[in-house]
C-alpha cells in the first residue's frame, strides 16, 4: 500500500489505536501463510493478479460511491507507477519466492524492509547520514540475512538452490517495495483509498498477461482452483487488502511513525508462528538464530530513525 502523509493526530483514542495496530500486526502477518495456501496448487502470478483485481475494484468502487472525486490523468499515471513497484513486482516476486522457501522465512526477509529503506534513502535519495544506532541495526540486520540464507549443513544441493532462488525473489520484491515507498511522497496521488484501488487494479492488470504468457494458466483458470486456494484468496481480499489497509491508513493518520513502523518486526513473528503451527514449516537452529538477529537489527533501525 502507499504511504499516507496526513498529519498525525495528537490524541487518538487508545482503544481504537490498539485495535487498529493489532489488526495490522495479525492480519498482515497472516498474509504470508495465506499466500502460500492460495498459490500452493495454483500459478502464483495468476492468483495474485486475481486477488488485486478484486480488491482494487472494491476499494475504487467504494471510494467513488462515497464521493471521492475522479482521479486526474496525472494521478492515474502516478498510481500506476506505485502499483507496478509495490504490487506487480514486489508482491509478484513474493508469491513466487514462497514457492521455494517457507512463508515464515519470506516474512522474515520482508521484515527487513527497513534495511532497504535506510540504504536507499541515504545513498540514492540524498538524505542525511543515518544515526549510529540505525547503522548498527543495518549491520546486525545484514548478519541476520546472511545466517538466514547461508546453506545449512543438513540441506541437500537442491535445497540450497531453492533457498537462494527464493531469497533472490523476495529480496528483489523488497527492493521494489522500498523504491515505491520512497517515491510515493514525490508523486501526485489522489486520496489514499482510491489511490490504493487504482494501484491494485493496474498492478493486477499488468500481472495478468505476464501470468498468461509464463504460467500454465488460462483466463478462466480461477474456476478450476481448489477450494483452499479460493478461500485463501477471499481471506486476502477481505482481511489482507481491505480491512488491513483500512487499519494501516487510520494508523498513518493517527499514530506516530515510530509506533506504526513496529509492524515491520511484529509481522514476521506472527508469520513464523502461523507457518510453523498451521503450515508445517520447520526452522533449523541456524535459521532461528538468523531470524532473531535480523529482528534485533530491524528494531535498532526503527529506534534509530531521526
C-alpha atoms as a PDB file:
ATOM      1  CA  UNK A   1       0.000   0.000   0.000  1.00  0.00           C
ATOM      2  CA  UNK A   2       1.039   3.572  -0.333  1.00  0.00           C
ATOM      3  CA  UNK A   3       2.324   5.728   2.480  1.00  0.00           C
ATOM      4  CA  UNK A   4      -0.203   8.229   3.788  1.00  0.00           C
ATOM      5  CA  UNK A   5       1.128  11.638   4.647  1.00  0.00           C
ATOM      6  CA  UNK A   6      -1.792  13.174   6.527  1.00  0.00           C
ATOM      7  CA  UNK A   7      -0.999  14.945   9.804  1.00  0.00           C
ATOM      8  CA  UNK A   8      -0.741  12.723  12.860  1.00  0.00           C
ATOM      9  CA  UNK A   9      -3.483  13.109  15.460  1.00  0.00           C
ATOM     10  CA  UNK A  10      -2.173  14.338  18.813  1.00  0.00           C
ATOM     11  CA  UNK A  11      -4.659  12.426  20.958  1.00  0.00           C
ATOM     12  CA  UNK A  12      -6.101   9.292  19.330  1.00  0.00           C
ATOM     13  CA  UNK A  13      -8.459   7.065  21.288  1.00  0.00           C
ATOM     14  CA  UNK A  14      -6.218   4.393  22.905  1.00  0.00           C
ATOM     15  CA  UNK A  15      -8.755   1.588  22.341  1.00  0.00           C
ATOM     16  CA  UNK A  16      -9.159   2.452  18.651  1.00  0.00           C
ATOM     17  CA  UNK A  17      -5.408   2.918  18.311  1.00  0.00           C
ATOM     18  CA  UNK A  18      -4.552  -0.526  19.646  1.00  0.00           C
ATOM     19  CA  UNK A  19      -7.433  -2.219  17.850  1.00  0.00           C
ATOM     20  CA  UNK A  20      -6.073  -0.965  14.520  1.00  0.00           C
ATOM     21  CA  UNK A  21      -2.484  -1.734  15.488  1.00  0.00           C
ATOM     22  CA  UNK A  22      -3.330  -5.317  16.444  1.00  0.00           C
ATOM     23  CA  UNK A  23      -5.286  -5.609  13.194  1.00  0.00           C
ATOM     24  CA  UNK A  24      -2.192  -4.695  11.172  1.00  0.00           C
ATOM     25  CA  UNK A  25       0.005  -6.950  13.310  1.00  0.00           C
ATOM     26  CA  UNK A  26      -2.193 -10.034  12.954  1.00  0.00           C
ATOM     27  CA  UNK A  27      -3.841  -9.600   9.550  1.00  0.00           C
ATOM     28  CA  UNK A  28      -0.751  -8.527   7.635  1.00  0.00           C
ATOM     29  CA  UNK A  29       1.346 -11.085   9.491  1.00  0.00           C
ATOM     30  CA  UNK A  30      -1.066 -13.817   8.398  1.00  0.00           C
ATOM     31  CA  UNK A  31      -0.992 -12.888   4.704  1.00  0.00           C
ATOM     32  CA  UNK A  32       2.245 -14.800   4.090  1.00  0.00           C
ATOM     33  CA  UNK A  33       0.715 -18.107   5.126  1.00  0.00           C
ATOM     34  CA  UNK A  34      -2.460 -17.481   3.122  1.00  0.00           C
ATOM     35  CA  UNK A  35      -0.439 -16.515   0.038  1.00  0.00           C
ATOM     36  CA  UNK A  36       1.272 -19.882   0.455  1.00  0.00           C
ATOM     37  CA  UNK A  37      -2.124 -21.631   0.690  1.00  0.00           C
ATOM     38  CA  UNK A  38      -3.512 -19.639  -2.255  1.00  0.00           C
ATOM     39  CA  UNK A  39      -0.604 -20.471  -4.562  1.00  0.00           C
ATOM     40  CA  UNK A  40       0.135 -23.993  -3.311  1.00  0.00           C
ATOM     41  CA  UNK A  41      -1.665 -25.626  -6.248  1.00  0.00           C
ATOM     42  CA  UNK A  42      -2.257 -22.608  -8.461  1.00  0.00           C
ATOM     43  CA  UNK A  43       0.100 -20.416 -10.516  1.00  0.00           C
ATOM     44  CA  UNK A  44       1.272 -17.656  -8.137  1.00  0.00           C
ATOM     45  CA  UNK A  45       1.224 -14.667 -10.501  1.00  0.00           C
ATOM     46  CA  UNK A  46      -2.250 -15.547 -11.736  1.00  0.00           C
ATOM     47  CA  UNK A  47      -3.692 -15.790  -8.225  1.00  0.00           C
ATOM     48  CA  UNK A  48      -2.010 -12.582  -7.058  1.00  0.00           C
ATOM     49  CA  UNK A  49      -3.393 -10.826 -10.137  1.00  0.00           C
ATOM     50  CA  UNK A  50      -6.914 -12.084  -9.391  1.00  0.00           C
ATOM     51  CA  UNK A  51      -6.616 -11.013  -5.752  1.00  0.00           C
ATOM     52  CA  UNK A  52      -5.660  -7.451  -6.620  1.00  0.00           C
ATOM     53  CA  UNK A  53      -8.194  -7.054  -9.404  1.00  0.00           C
ATOM     54  CA  UNK A  54     -10.968  -7.975  -6.954  1.00  0.00           C
ATOM     55  CA  UNK A  55      -9.570  -5.921  -4.047  1.00  0.00           C
ATOM     56  CA  UNK A  56      -8.850  -2.906  -6.223  1.00  0.00           C
ATOM     57  CA  UNK A  57     -12.299  -2.906  -7.801  1.00  0.00           C
ATOM     58  CA  UNK A  58     -13.930  -2.981  -4.364  1.00  0.00           C
ATOM     59  CA  UNK A  59     -11.775  -0.164  -2.976  1.00  0.00           C
ATOM     60  CA  UNK A  60     -12.123   2.011  -6.083  1.00  0.00           C
ATOM     61  CA  UNK A  61     -15.878   1.453  -6.247  1.00  0.00           C
ATOM     62  CA  UNK A  62     -16.292   2.242  -2.546  1.00  0.00           C
ATOM     63  CA  UNK A  63     -14.279   5.444  -2.880  1.00  0.00           C
ATOM     64  CA  UNK A  64     -16.286   6.674  -5.855  1.00  0.00           C
ATOM     65  CA  UNK A  65     -19.644   5.775  -4.266  1.00  0.00           C
ATOM     66  CA  UNK A  66     -18.735   7.709  -1.116  1.00  0.00           C
ATOM     67  CA  UNK A  67     -17.968  10.866  -3.065  1.00  0.00           C
ATOM     68  CA  UNK A  68     -14.245  10.706  -3.752  1.00  0.00           C
ATOM     69  CA  UNK A  69     -13.506  12.767  -6.890  1.00  0.00           C
ATOM     70  CA  UNK A  70     -12.459  11.012 -10.079  1.00  0.00           C
ATOM     71  CA  UNK A  71      -8.626  10.952 -10.304  1.00  0.00           C
ATOM     72  CA  UNK A  72      -6.881  13.055 -12.917  1.00  0.00           C
ATOM     73  CA  UNK A  73      -4.770  11.516 -15.679  1.00  0.00           C
ATOM     74  CA  UNK A  74      -1.602  12.545 -13.835  1.00  0.00           C
ATOM     75  CA  UNK A  75      -2.865  10.811 -10.677  1.00  0.00           C
ATOM     76  CA  UNK A  76      -3.658   7.657 -12.662  1.00  0.00           C
ATOM     77  CA  UNK A  77      -0.116   7.649 -14.055  1.00  0.00           C
ATOM     78  CA  UNK A  78       1.462   8.175 -10.633  1.00  0.00           C
ATOM     79  CA  UNK A  79      -0.719   5.467  -9.080  1.00  0.00           C
ATOM     80  CA  UNK A  80       0.256   3.128 -11.926  1.00  0.00           C
ATOM     81  CA  UNK A  81       3.963   3.628 -11.168  1.00  0.00           C
ATOM     82  CA  UNK A  82       3.464   2.849  -7.489  1.00  0.00           C
ATOM     83  CA  UNK A  83       1.164  -0.072  -8.316  1.00  0.00           C
ATOM     84  CA  UNK A  84       3.790  -1.661 -10.559  1.00  0.00           C
ATOM     85  CA  UNK A  85       6.517  -1.300  -7.924  1.00  0.00           C
ATOM     86  CA  UNK A  86       4.512  -2.325  -4.860  1.00  0.00           C
ATOM     87  CA  UNK A  87       2.124  -4.892  -6.283  1.00  0.00           C
ATOM     88  CA  UNK A  88       3.203  -6.188  -9.698  1.00  0.00           C
ATOM     89  CA  UNK A  89       6.903  -6.533  -8.862  1.00  0.00           C
ATOM     90  CA  UNK A  90       7.075  -6.681  -5.054  1.00  0.00           C
ATOM     91  CA  UNK A  91       4.118  -8.958  -4.378  1.00  0.00           C
ATOM     92  CA  UNK A  92       4.629 -10.866  -7.614  1.00  0.00           C
ATOM     93  CA  UNK A  93       8.167 -11.725  -6.517  1.00  0.00           C
ATOM     94  CA  UNK A  94       6.942 -12.595  -3.026  1.00  0.00           C
ATOM     95  CA  UNK A  95       4.324 -15.002  -4.371  1.00  0.00           C
ATOM     96  CA  UNK A  96       6.951 -16.747  -6.497  1.00  0.00           C
ATOM     97  CA  UNK A  97       9.547 -16.735  -3.719  1.00  0.00           C
ATOM     98  CA  UNK A  98       7.164 -18.572  -1.377  1.00  0.00           C
ATOM     99  CA  UNK A  99       7.248 -21.466  -3.856  1.00  0.00           C
ATOM    100  CA  UNK A 100      10.925 -22.021  -2.889  1.00  0.00           C
ATOM    101  CA  UNK A 101      11.185 -21.043   0.789  1.00  0.00           C
ATOM    102  CA  UNK A 102       8.802 -21.274   3.777  1.00  0.00           C
ATOM    103  CA  UNK A 103       6.318 -18.418   4.055  1.00  0.00           C
ATOM    104  CA  UNK A 104       7.665 -17.619   7.525  1.00  0.00           C
ATOM    105  CA  UNK A 105      11.183 -17.162   6.127  1.00  0.00           C
ATOM    106  CA  UNK A 106       9.786 -14.935   3.368  1.00  0.00           C
ATOM    107  CA  UNK A 107       8.072 -12.874   6.073  1.00  0.00           C
ATOM    108  CA  UNK A 108      11.318 -12.527   7.988  1.00  0.00           C
ATOM    109  CA  UNK A 109      13.090 -11.350   4.860  1.00  0.00           C
ATOM    110  CA  UNK A 110      10.171  -8.991   4.232  1.00  0.00           C
ATOM    111  CA  UNK A 111      10.508  -7.705   7.782  1.00  0.00           C
ATOM    112  CA  UNK A 112      13.941  -6.415   6.798  1.00  0.00           C
ATOM    113  CA  UNK A 113      12.363  -3.809   4.523  1.00  0.00           C
ATOM    114  CA  UNK A 114      13.758  -1.037   6.805  1.00  0.00           C
ATOM    115  CA  UNK A 115      17.256  -2.161   5.751  1.00  0.00           C
ATOM    116  CA  UNK A 116      16.445  -1.387   2.113  1.00  0.00           C
ATOM    117  CA  UNK A 117      14.635   1.837   3.011  1.00  0.00           C
ATOM    118  CA  UNK A 118      17.534   3.076   5.132  1.00  0.00           C
ATOM    119  CA  UNK A 119      20.136   2.284   2.478  1.00  0.00           C
ATOM    120  CA  UNK A 120      18.192   3.705  -0.480  1.00  0.00           C
ATOM    121  CA  UNK A 121      17.091   6.787   1.415  1.00  0.00           C
ATOM    122  CA  UNK A 122      20.684   7.548   2.337  1.00  0.00           C
ATOM    123  CA  UNK A 123      22.515   6.630  -0.878  1.00  0.00           C
ATOM    124  CA  UNK A 124      20.037   7.284  -3.703  1.00  0.00           C
ATOM    125  CA  UNK A 125      17.677   9.918  -2.343  1.00  0.00           C
ATOM    126  CA  UNK A 126      20.292  12.205  -0.829  1.00  0.00           C
ATOM    127  CA  UNK A 127      19.077  12.166   2.765  1.00  0.00           C
ATOM    128  CA  UNK A 128      21.341  12.853   5.746  1.00  0.00           C
ATOM    129  CA  UNK A 129      23.555  10.170   7.218  1.00  0.00           C
ATOM    130  CA  UNK A 130      21.532   7.786   9.425  1.00  0.00           C
ATOM    131  CA  UNK A 131      22.144   7.759  13.170  1.00  0.00           C
ATOM    132  CA  UNK A 132      24.795   5.458  14.633  1.00  0.00           C
ATOM    133  CA  UNK A 133      22.047   3.327  16.182  1.00  0.00           C
ATOM    134  CA  UNK A 134      20.364   2.884  12.793  1.00  0.00           C
ATOM    135  CA  UNK A 135      23.698   1.971  11.142  1.00  0.00           C
ATOM    136  CA  UNK A 136      24.357  -0.548  13.900  1.00  0.00           C
ATOM    137  CA  UNK A 137      20.925  -2.023  13.218  1.00  0.00           C
ATOM    138  CA  UNK A 138      21.754  -2.164   9.498  1.00  0.00           C
ATOM    139  CA  UNK A 139      24.940  -4.139  10.168  1.00  0.00           C
ATOM    140  CA  UNK A 140      23.183  -6.519  12.555  1.00  0.00           C
ATOM    141  CA  UNK A 141      20.309  -6.980  10.119  1.00  0.00           C
ATOM    142  CA  UNK A 142      22.735  -7.941   7.348  1.00  0.00           C
ATOM    143  CA  UNK A 143      24.320 -10.540   9.626  1.00  0.00           C
ATOM    144  CA  UNK A 144      20.852 -11.964  10.237  1.00  0.00           C
ATOM    145  CA  UNK A 145      20.173 -12.095   6.492  1.00  0.00           C
ATOM    146  CA  UNK A 146      23.461 -13.937   5.959  1.00  0.00           C
ATOM    147  CA  UNK A 147      22.541 -16.591   8.526  1.00  0.00           C
ATOM    148  CA  UNK A 148      19.056 -16.990   7.040  1.00  0.00           C
ATOM    149  CA  UNK A 149      20.413 -17.518   3.540  1.00  0.00           C
ATOM    150  CA  UNK A 150      23.616 -19.395   4.414  1.00  0.00           C
ATOM    151  CA  UNK A 151      23.303 -23.075   3.434  1.00  0.00           C
ATOM    152  CA  UNK A 152      22.552 -25.376   6.356  1.00  0.00           C
ATOM    153  CA  UNK A 153      24.727 -28.451   6.897  1.00  0.00           C
ATOM    154  CA  UNK A 154      21.663 -30.672   6.637  1.00  0.00           C
ATOM    155  CA  UNK A 155      20.445 -29.195   3.339  1.00  0.00           C
ATOM    156  CA  UNK A 156      20.826 -31.004   0.044  1.00  0.00           C
ATOM    157  CA  UNK A 157      22.215 -29.253  -3.005  1.00  0.00           C
ATOM    158  CA  UNK A 158      18.723 -28.871  -4.444  1.00  0.00           C
ATOM    159  CA  UNK A 159      17.567 -27.406  -1.128  1.00  0.00           C
ATOM    160  CA  UNK A 160      20.347 -24.829  -1.216  1.00  0.00           C
ATOM    161  CA  UNK A 161      19.480 -23.844  -4.782  1.00  0.00           C
ATOM    162  CA  UNK A 162      15.793 -23.435  -3.876  1.00  0.00           C
ATOM    163  CA  UNK A 163      16.649 -21.290  -0.857  1.00  0.00           C
ATOM    164  CA  UNK A 164      18.857 -18.995  -2.956  1.00  0.00           C
ATOM    165  CA  UNK A 165      16.181 -18.624  -5.656  1.00  0.00           C
ATOM    166  CA  UNK A 166      13.531 -17.862  -3.048  1.00  0.00           C
ATOM    167  CA  UNK A 167      15.768 -15.375  -1.280  1.00  0.00           C
ATOM    168  CA  UNK A 168      16.652 -13.603  -4.524  1.00  0.00           C
ATOM    169  CA  UNK A 169      12.977 -13.237  -5.488  1.00  0.00           C
ATOM    170  CA  UNK A 170      11.918 -11.961  -2.060  1.00  0.00           C
ATOM    171  CA  UNK A 171      14.919  -9.609  -1.914  1.00  0.00           C
ATOM    172  CA  UNK A 172      14.030  -8.178  -5.333  1.00  0.00           C
ATOM    173  CA  UNK A 173      10.447  -7.724  -4.167  1.00  0.00           C
ATOM    174  CA  UNK A 174      11.574  -5.877  -1.045  1.00  0.00           C
ATOM    175  CA  UNK A 175      13.863  -3.658  -3.087  1.00  0.00           C
ATOM    176  CA  UNK A 176      10.970  -2.754  -5.391  1.00  0.00           C
ATOM    177  CA  UNK A 177       8.691  -2.086  -2.396  1.00  0.00           C
ATOM    178  CA  UNK A 178      11.330   0.215  -0.867  1.00  0.00           C
ATOM    179  CA  UNK A 179      11.678   2.187  -4.117  1.00  0.00           C
ATOM    180  CA  UNK A 180       7.901   2.525  -4.392  1.00  0.00           C
ATOM    181  CA  UNK A 181       7.616   3.642  -0.771  1.00  0.00           C
ATOM    182  CA  UNK A 182      10.266   6.337  -1.210  1.00  0.00           C
ATOM    183  CA  UNK A 183       8.748   7.540  -4.498  1.00  0.00           C
ATOM    184  CA  UNK A 184       5.208   7.801  -3.099  1.00  0.00           C
ATOM    185  CA  UNK A 185       5.509  11.231  -1.400  1.00  0.00           C
ATOM    186  CA  UNK A 186       7.237  12.581  -4.520  1.00  0.00           C
ATOM    187  CA  UNK A 187       4.335  11.780  -6.856  1.00  0.00           C
ATOM    188  CA  UNK A 188       0.920  13.361  -7.326  1.00  0.00           C
ATOM    189  CA  UNK A 189      -1.577  10.861  -5.923  1.00  0.00           C
ATOM    190  CA  UNK A 190      -5.307  11.040  -5.125  1.00  0.00           C
ATOM    191  CA  UNK A 191      -6.773  10.183  -1.716  1.00  0.00           C
ATOM    192  CA  UNK A 192      -5.434   7.057  -0.009  1.00  0.00           C
ATOM    193  CA  UNK A 193      -8.365   4.702  -0.628  1.00  0.00           C
ATOM    194  CA  UNK A 194      -8.928   5.446  -4.302  1.00  0.00           C
ATOM    195  CA  UNK A 195      -5.193   5.547  -4.997  1.00  0.00           C
ATOM    196  CA  UNK A 196      -4.744   2.105  -3.449  1.00  0.00           C
ATOM    197  CA  UNK A 197      -7.689   0.862  -5.511  1.00  0.00           C
ATOM    198  CA  UNK A 198      -6.045   2.132  -8.695  1.00  0.00           C
ATOM    199  CA  UNK A 199      -2.703   0.619  -7.689  1.00  0.00           C
ATOM    200  CA  UNK A 200      -4.319  -2.778  -7.138  1.00  0.00           C
ATOM    201  CA  UNK A 201      -6.337  -2.697 -10.370  1.00  0.00           C
ATOM    202  CA  UNK A 202      -3.379  -1.660 -12.529  1.00  0.00           C
ATOM    203  CA  UNK A 203      -0.955  -3.921 -10.652  1.00  0.00           C
ATOM    204  CA  UNK A 204      -3.302  -6.857 -11.235  1.00  0.00           C
ATOM    205  CA  UNK A 205      -3.858  -5.962 -14.876  1.00  0.00           C
ATOM    206  CA  UNK A 206      -0.119  -5.873 -15.525  1.00  0.00           C
ATOM    207  CA  UNK A 207       0.465  -9.225 -13.794  1.00  0.00           C
ATOM    208  CA  UNK A 208      -2.335 -10.974 -15.695  1.00  0.00           C
ATOM    209  CA  UNK A 209      -0.741 -11.029 -19.199  1.00  0.00           C
ATOM    210  CA  UNK A 210       2.613 -11.927 -17.616  1.00  0.00           C
ATOM    211  CA  UNK A 211       0.932 -14.888 -15.951  1.00  0.00           C
ATOM    212  CA  UNK A 212      -0.840 -15.935 -19.159  1.00  0.00           C
ATOM    213  CA  UNK A 213       2.494 -15.849 -21.001  1.00  0.00           C
ATOM    214  CA  UNK A 214       4.654 -17.606 -18.408  1.00  0.00           C
ATOM    215  CA  UNK A 215       2.385 -19.868 -16.390  1.00  0.00           C
ATOM    216  CA  UNK A 216       0.272 -22.900 -17.363  1.00  0.00           C
ATOM    217  CA  UNK A 217      -2.967 -20.994 -16.997  1.00  0.00           C
ATOM    218  CA  UNK A 218      -5.921 -19.662 -18.964  1.00  0.00           C
ATOM    219  CA  UNK A 219      -8.000 -16.559 -18.356  1.00  0.00           C
ATOM    220  CA  UNK A 220     -10.718 -18.554 -16.565  1.00  0.00           C
ATOM    221  CA  UNK A 221      -8.472 -20.919 -14.585  1.00  0.00           C
ATOM    222  CA  UNK A 222      -9.832 -19.377 -11.387  1.00  0.00           C
ATOM    223  CA  UNK A 223     -12.985 -21.501 -11.862  1.00  0.00           C
ATOM    224  CA  UNK A 224     -10.853 -24.643 -11.559  1.00  0.00           C
ATOM    225  CA  UNK A 225      -8.949 -23.551  -8.449  1.00  0.00           C
ATOM    226  CA  UNK A 226      -9.191 -25.856  -5.410  1.00  0.00           C
ATOM    227  CA  UNK A 227     -11.400 -24.635  -2.524  1.00  0.00           C
ATOM    228  CA  UNK A 228      -8.373 -23.964  -0.288  1.00  0.00           C
ATOM    229  CA  UNK A 229      -6.975 -21.515  -2.840  1.00  0.00           C
ATOM    230  CA  UNK A 230     -10.326 -19.741  -3.254  1.00  0.00           C
ATOM    231  CA  UNK A 231     -10.906 -19.436   0.497  1.00  0.00           C
ATOM    232  CA  UNK A 232      -7.376 -18.101   0.947  1.00  0.00           C
ATOM    233  CA  UNK A 233      -7.888 -15.520  -1.789  1.00  0.00           C
ATOM    234  CA  UNK A 234     -11.164 -14.388  -0.201  1.00  0.00           C
ATOM    235  CA  UNK A 235      -9.342 -14.023   3.132  1.00  0.00           C
ATOM    236  CA  UNK A 236      -6.586 -11.971   1.484  1.00  0.00           C
ATOM    237  CA  UNK A 237      -9.093  -9.746  -0.320  1.00  0.00           C
ATOM    238  CA  UNK A 238     -11.186  -9.023   2.786  1.00  0.00           C
ATOM    239  CA  UNK A 239      -8.716  -9.147   5.656  1.00  0.00           C
ATOM    240  CA  UNK A 240      -5.358  -8.539   3.977  1.00  0.00           C
ATOM    241  CA  UNK A 241      -6.293  -5.833   1.473  1.00  0.00           C
ATOM    242  CA  UNK A 242      -9.495  -4.108   2.631  1.00  0.00           C
ATOM    243  CA  UNK A 243      -9.555  -4.367   6.452  1.00  0.00           C
ATOM    244  CA  UNK A 244      -5.776  -4.480   6.822  1.00  0.00           C
ATOM    245  CA  UNK A 245      -5.351  -1.448   4.591  1.00  0.00           C
ATOM    246  CA  UNK A 246      -8.109   0.471   6.399  1.00  0.00           C
ATOM    247  CA  UNK A 247      -6.351  -0.132   9.721  1.00  0.00           C
ATOM    248  CA  UNK A 248      -2.991   0.888   8.268  1.00  0.00           C
ATOM    249  CA  UNK A 249      -4.485   4.004   6.699  1.00  0.00           C
ATOM    250  CA  UNK A 250      -6.087   5.027  10.013  1.00  0.00           C
ATOM    251  CA  UNK A 251      -2.797   4.470  11.857  1.00  0.00           C
ATOM    252  CA  UNK A 252      -0.890   6.533   9.293  1.00  0.00           C
ATOM    253  CA  UNK A 253      -3.145   9.485  10.127  1.00  0.00           C
ATOM    254  CA  UNK A 254      -3.399   8.970  13.881  1.00  0.00           C
ATOM    255  CA  UNK A 255      -0.299   7.164  15.188  1.00  0.00           C
ATOM    256  CA  UNK A 256       3.322   8.213  15.380  1.00  0.00           C
ATOM    257  CA  UNK A 257       5.622   6.902  12.621  1.00  0.00           C
ATOM    258  CA  UNK A 258       7.709   5.106  15.266  1.00  0.00           C
ATOM    259  CA  UNK A 259       4.678   3.172  16.538  1.00  0.00           C
ATOM    260  CA  UNK A 260       3.410   2.425  13.039  1.00  0.00           C
ATOM    261  CA  UNK A 261       6.784   1.090  11.910  1.00  0.00           C
ATOM    262  CA  UNK A 262       6.705  -1.609  14.603  1.00  0.00           C
ATOM    263  CA  UNK A 263       4.620  -3.756  12.232  1.00  0.00           C
ATOM    264  CA  UNK A 264       7.843  -4.383  10.286  1.00  0.00           C
ATOM    265  CA  UNK A 265       9.179  -6.606  13.060  1.00  0.00           C
ATOM    266  CA  UNK A 266       5.903  -7.902  14.532  1.00  0.00           C
ATOM    267  CA  UNK A 267       4.566  -9.258  11.202  1.00  0.00           C
ATOM    268  CA  UNK A 268       7.471 -11.712  10.755  1.00  0.00           C
ATOM    269  CA  UNK A 269       6.957 -13.112  14.275  1.00  0.00           C
ATOM    270  CA  UNK A 270       3.240 -13.645  13.577  1.00  0.00           C
ATOM    271  CA  UNK A 271       4.050 -15.243  10.212  1.00  0.00           C
ATOM    272  CA  UNK A 272       6.600 -17.562  11.802  1.00  0.00           C
ATOM    273  CA  UNK A 273       4.157 -18.718  14.497  1.00  0.00           C
ATOM    274  CA  UNK A 274       1.387 -19.333  11.961  1.00  0.00           C
ATOM    275  CA  UNK A 275       3.699 -21.030   9.456  1.00  0.00           C
ATOM    276  CA  UNK A 276       5.124 -23.468  11.984  1.00  0.00           C
ATOM    277  CA  UNK A 277       1.725 -24.146  13.604  1.00  0.00           C
ATOM    278  CA  UNK A 278      -0.612 -24.460  10.612  1.00  0.00           C
ATOM    279  CA  UNK A 279       1.602 -24.939   7.547  1.00  0.00           C
ATOM    280  CA  UNK A 280       4.038 -27.453   8.991  1.00  0.00           C
ATOM    281  CA  UNK A 281       7.068 -25.243   8.333  1.00  0.00           C
ATOM    282  CA  UNK A 282      10.255 -26.136  10.194  1.00  0.00           C
ATOM    283  CA  UNK A 283      13.064 -23.763  11.169  1.00  0.00           C
ATOM    284  CA  UNK A 284      16.598 -25.021  11.715  1.00  0.00           C
ATOM    285  CA  UNK A 285      18.580 -23.695  14.678  1.00  0.00           C
ATOM    286  CA  UNK A 286      20.706 -21.617  12.281  1.00  0.00           C
ATOM    287  CA  UNK A 287      17.658 -20.077  10.628  1.00  0.00           C
ATOM    288  CA  UNK A 288      16.091 -19.339  14.009  1.00  0.00           C
ATOM    289  CA  UNK A 289      19.300 -17.619  15.150  1.00  0.00           C
ATOM    290  CA  UNK A 290      19.432 -15.619  11.910  1.00  0.00           C
ATOM    291  CA  UNK A 291      15.785 -14.625  12.318  1.00  0.00           C
ATOM    292  CA  UNK A 292      16.383 -13.433  15.876  1.00  0.00           C
ATOM    293  CA  UNK A 293      19.447 -11.403  14.907  1.00  0.00           C
ATOM    294  CA  UNK A 294      17.652  -9.935  11.884  1.00  0.00           C
ATOM    295  CA  UNK A 295      14.709  -8.808  14.007  1.00  0.00           C
ATOM    296  CA  UNK A 296      17.077  -7.162  16.500  1.00  0.00           C
ATOM    297  CA  UNK A 297      18.575  -5.238  13.574  1.00  0.00           C
ATOM    298  CA  UNK A 298      15.133  -4.090  12.412  1.00  0.00           C
ATOM    299  CA  UNK A 299      14.266  -2.897  15.923  1.00  0.00           C
ATOM    300  CA  UNK A 300      17.505  -0.886  16.140  1.00  0.00           C
ATOM    301  CA  UNK A 301      16.914   0.680  12.709  1.00  0.00           C
ATOM    302  CA  UNK A 302      13.400   1.654  13.765  1.00  0.00           C
ATOM    303  CA  UNK A 303      14.551   3.124  17.084  1.00  0.00           C
ATOM    304  CA  UNK A 304      17.460   4.882  15.405  1.00  0.00           C
ATOM    305  CA  UNK A 305      15.440   6.825  12.844  1.00  0.00           C
ATOM    306  CA  UNK A 306      15.916  10.567  13.186  1.00  0.00           C
END
